[in-house]
Amino acid sequence: MDDGRPIFLQIAEQIEGSIIDGSIEEESQVPSTNELAAFHRINPATAAKGVAQLAADGVIYKKRGIGMFVATGARARLLERRRQDFARQFVAPLMAEAHKLGIEPDYVRKLIDVWEDDQ
């Protein structure tokens, strides 16, 4: 874990990724801050900050005395947010460049279809 972004964000995104891919299901318990800290060899306060971020976003919630659990509907909300991020980070710049080059959206679709067929 060291891609230049704060570690607590990387922890939060790792848990989000596990929720999205189904390895942590809704209403199941997420690793504790101590488990996360030990696994990643980081300060427990840093792990707690990542977990707190997810709780503030409504992705996980606390069951008093038991731990943190994935909220119902969290996967769908995370997928929608990631799709919007994808469009903003990749599709918007792609279409802006296509527009500059005079490439019509239908032609971009055809290019994507051809690329997909080659994979």
Protein backbone atom coordinates (compact mmCIF):
# COMPACT_ATOMS: atom_id res chain seq x y z
CA MET A 1 0.00 0.00 0.00
CA ASP A 2 1.85 3.04 -1.19
CA ASP A 3 0.57 4.72 -4.30
CA GLY A 4 1.02 8.27 -3.03
CA ARG A 5 -2.49 8.62 -1.64
CA PRO A 6 -3.15 8.64 2.11
CA ILE A 7 -3.09 5.13 3.55
CA PHE A 8 -6.48 5.53 5.25
CA LEU A 9 -8.04 6.16 1.81
CA GLN A 10 -6.32 3.09 0.43
CA ILE A 11 -7.73 1.03 3.33
CA ALA A 12 -11.23 2.36 2.66
CA GLU A 13 -10.93 1.65 -1.07
CA GLN A 14 -9.65 -1.86 -0.40
CA ILE A 15 -12.71 -2.62 1.74
CA GLU A 16 -14.96 -1.01 -0.88
CA GLY A 17 -13.36 -3.22 -3.54
CA SER A 18 -14.05 -6.30 -1.43
CA ILE A 19 -17.68 -5.26 -1.08
CA ILE A 20 -18.00 -4.65 -4.82
CA ASP A 21 -16.42 -7.97 -5.80
CA GLY A 22 -18.54 -9.82 -3.24
CA SER A 23 -15.75 -11.12 -1.05
CA ILE A 24 -17.32 -9.12 1.81
CA GLU A 25 -21.10 -9.46 1.57
CA GLU A 26 -23.73 -7.04 2.81
CA GLU A 27 -24.55 -7.48 6.50
CA SER A 28 -21.28 -9.35 7.08
CA GLN A 29 -18.55 -8.15 9.39
CA VAL A 30 -15.56 -6.23 8.05
CA PRO A 31 -12.07 -6.74 9.49
CA SER A 32 -11.42 -4.84 12.69
CA THR A 33 -9.09 -1.87 12.77
CA ASN A 34 -6.58 -3.98 14.70
CA GLU A 35 -6.74 -6.73 12.07
CA LEU A 36 -6.29 -4.20 9.28
CA ALA A 37 -3.42 -2.52 11.12
CA ALA A 38 -1.62 -5.83 11.74
CA PHE A 39 -2.13 -7.05 8.17
CA HIS A 40 -0.89 -3.81 6.56
CA ARG A 41 1.65 -3.04 9.30
CA ILE A 42 0.21 0.40 9.93
CA ASN A 43 -0.90 2.35 12.96
CA PRO A 44 -4.36 1.25 14.20
CA ALA A 45 -5.43 4.92 14.20
CA THR A 46 -4.77 5.05 10.44
CA ALA A 47 -6.87 1.93 9.87
CA ALA A 48 -9.58 3.40 12.11
CA LYS A 49 -9.63 6.55 9.99
CA GLY A 50 -10.29 4.48 6.85
CA VAL A 51 -13.06 2.55 8.60
CA ALA A 52 -14.53 5.80 9.93
CA GLN A 53 -14.60 7.19 6.38
CA LEU A 54 -16.67 4.20 5.25
CA ALA A 55 -19.01 4.62 8.22
CA ALA A 56 -19.45 8.32 7.45
CA ASP A 57 -20.31 7.39 3.85
CA GLY A 58 -22.93 4.90 5.08
CA VAL A 59 -21.10 1.92 3.59
CA ILE A 60 -20.60 0.23 6.95
CA TYR A 61 -22.21 0.59 10.34
CA LYS A 62 -21.31 -0.32 13.90
CA LYS A 63 -22.98 -3.01 15.98
CA ARG A 64 -22.11 -1.99 19.50
CA GLY A 65 -19.74 -4.46 21.14
CA ILE A 66 -19.47 -6.63 18.02
CA GLY A 67 -17.80 -4.63 15.25
CA MET A 68 -18.43 -3.01 11.89
CA PHE A 69 -20.75 -4.51 9.29
CA VAL A 70 -21.53 -3.80 5.63
CA ALA A 71 -24.76 -1.87 5.24
CA THR A 72 -27.61 -3.22 3.17
CA GLY A 73 -27.50 -1.64 -0.28
CA ALA A 74 -23.83 -0.67 0.09
CA ARG A 75 -22.70 -2.66 -2.95
CA ALA A 76 -25.26 -1.00 -5.25
CA ARG A 77 -24.35 2.48 -3.95
CA LEU A 78 -20.62 1.79 -4.39
CA LEU A 79 -21.15 0.45 -7.92
CA GLU A 80 -23.15 3.53 -8.89
CA ARG A 81 -20.53 5.87 -7.44
CA ARG A 82 -17.71 3.99 -9.21
CA ARG A 83 -19.63 4.08 -12.50
CA GLN A 84 -20.05 7.83 -12.18
CA ASP A 85 -16.35 8.20 -11.34
CA PHE A 86 -15.48 6.02 -14.36
CA ALA A 87 -17.55 8.22 -16.66
CA ARG A 88 -15.99 11.38 -15.25
CA GLN A 89 -12.39 10.08 -15.35
CA PHE A 90 -12.40 8.13 -18.60
CA VAL A 91 -15.47 8.62 -20.78
CA ALA A 92 -15.67 12.40 -20.54
CA PRO A 93 -12.01 12.93 -21.60
CA LEU A 94 -12.41 10.30 -24.35
CA MET A 95 -15.45 12.06 -25.78
CA ALA A 96 -13.84 15.49 -25.44
CA GLU A 97 -10.83 14.29 -27.46
CA ALA A 98 -13.10 12.62 -30.02
CA HIS A 99 -15.00 15.90 -30.39
CA LYS A 100 -11.72 17.80 -30.96
CA LEU A 101 -10.80 15.30 -33.66
CA GLY A 102 -14.23 15.47 -35.29
CA ILE A 103 -15.04 11.87 -34.39
CA GLU A 104 -18.76 11.22 -34.02
CA PRO A 105 -20.06 9.29 -30.98
CA ASP A 106 -21.31 6.46 -33.24
CA TYR A 107 -17.78 5.97 -34.57
CA VAL A 108 -16.40 5.87 -31.02
CA ARG A 109 -18.95 3.13 -30.25
CA LYS A 110 -17.76 1.19 -33.30
CA LEU A 111 -14.14 1.55 -32.18
CA ILE A 112 -15.07 0.18 -28.76
CA ASP A 113 -16.97 -2.72 -30.34
CA VAL A 114 -13.98 -3.60 -32.54
CA TRP A 115 -11.62 -3.39 -29.58
CA GLU A 116 -13.96 -5.58 -27.53
CA ASP A 117 -14.08 -8.20 -30.32
CA ASP A 118 -10.28 -8.33 -30.39
CA GLN A 119 -10.02 -9.10 -26.67
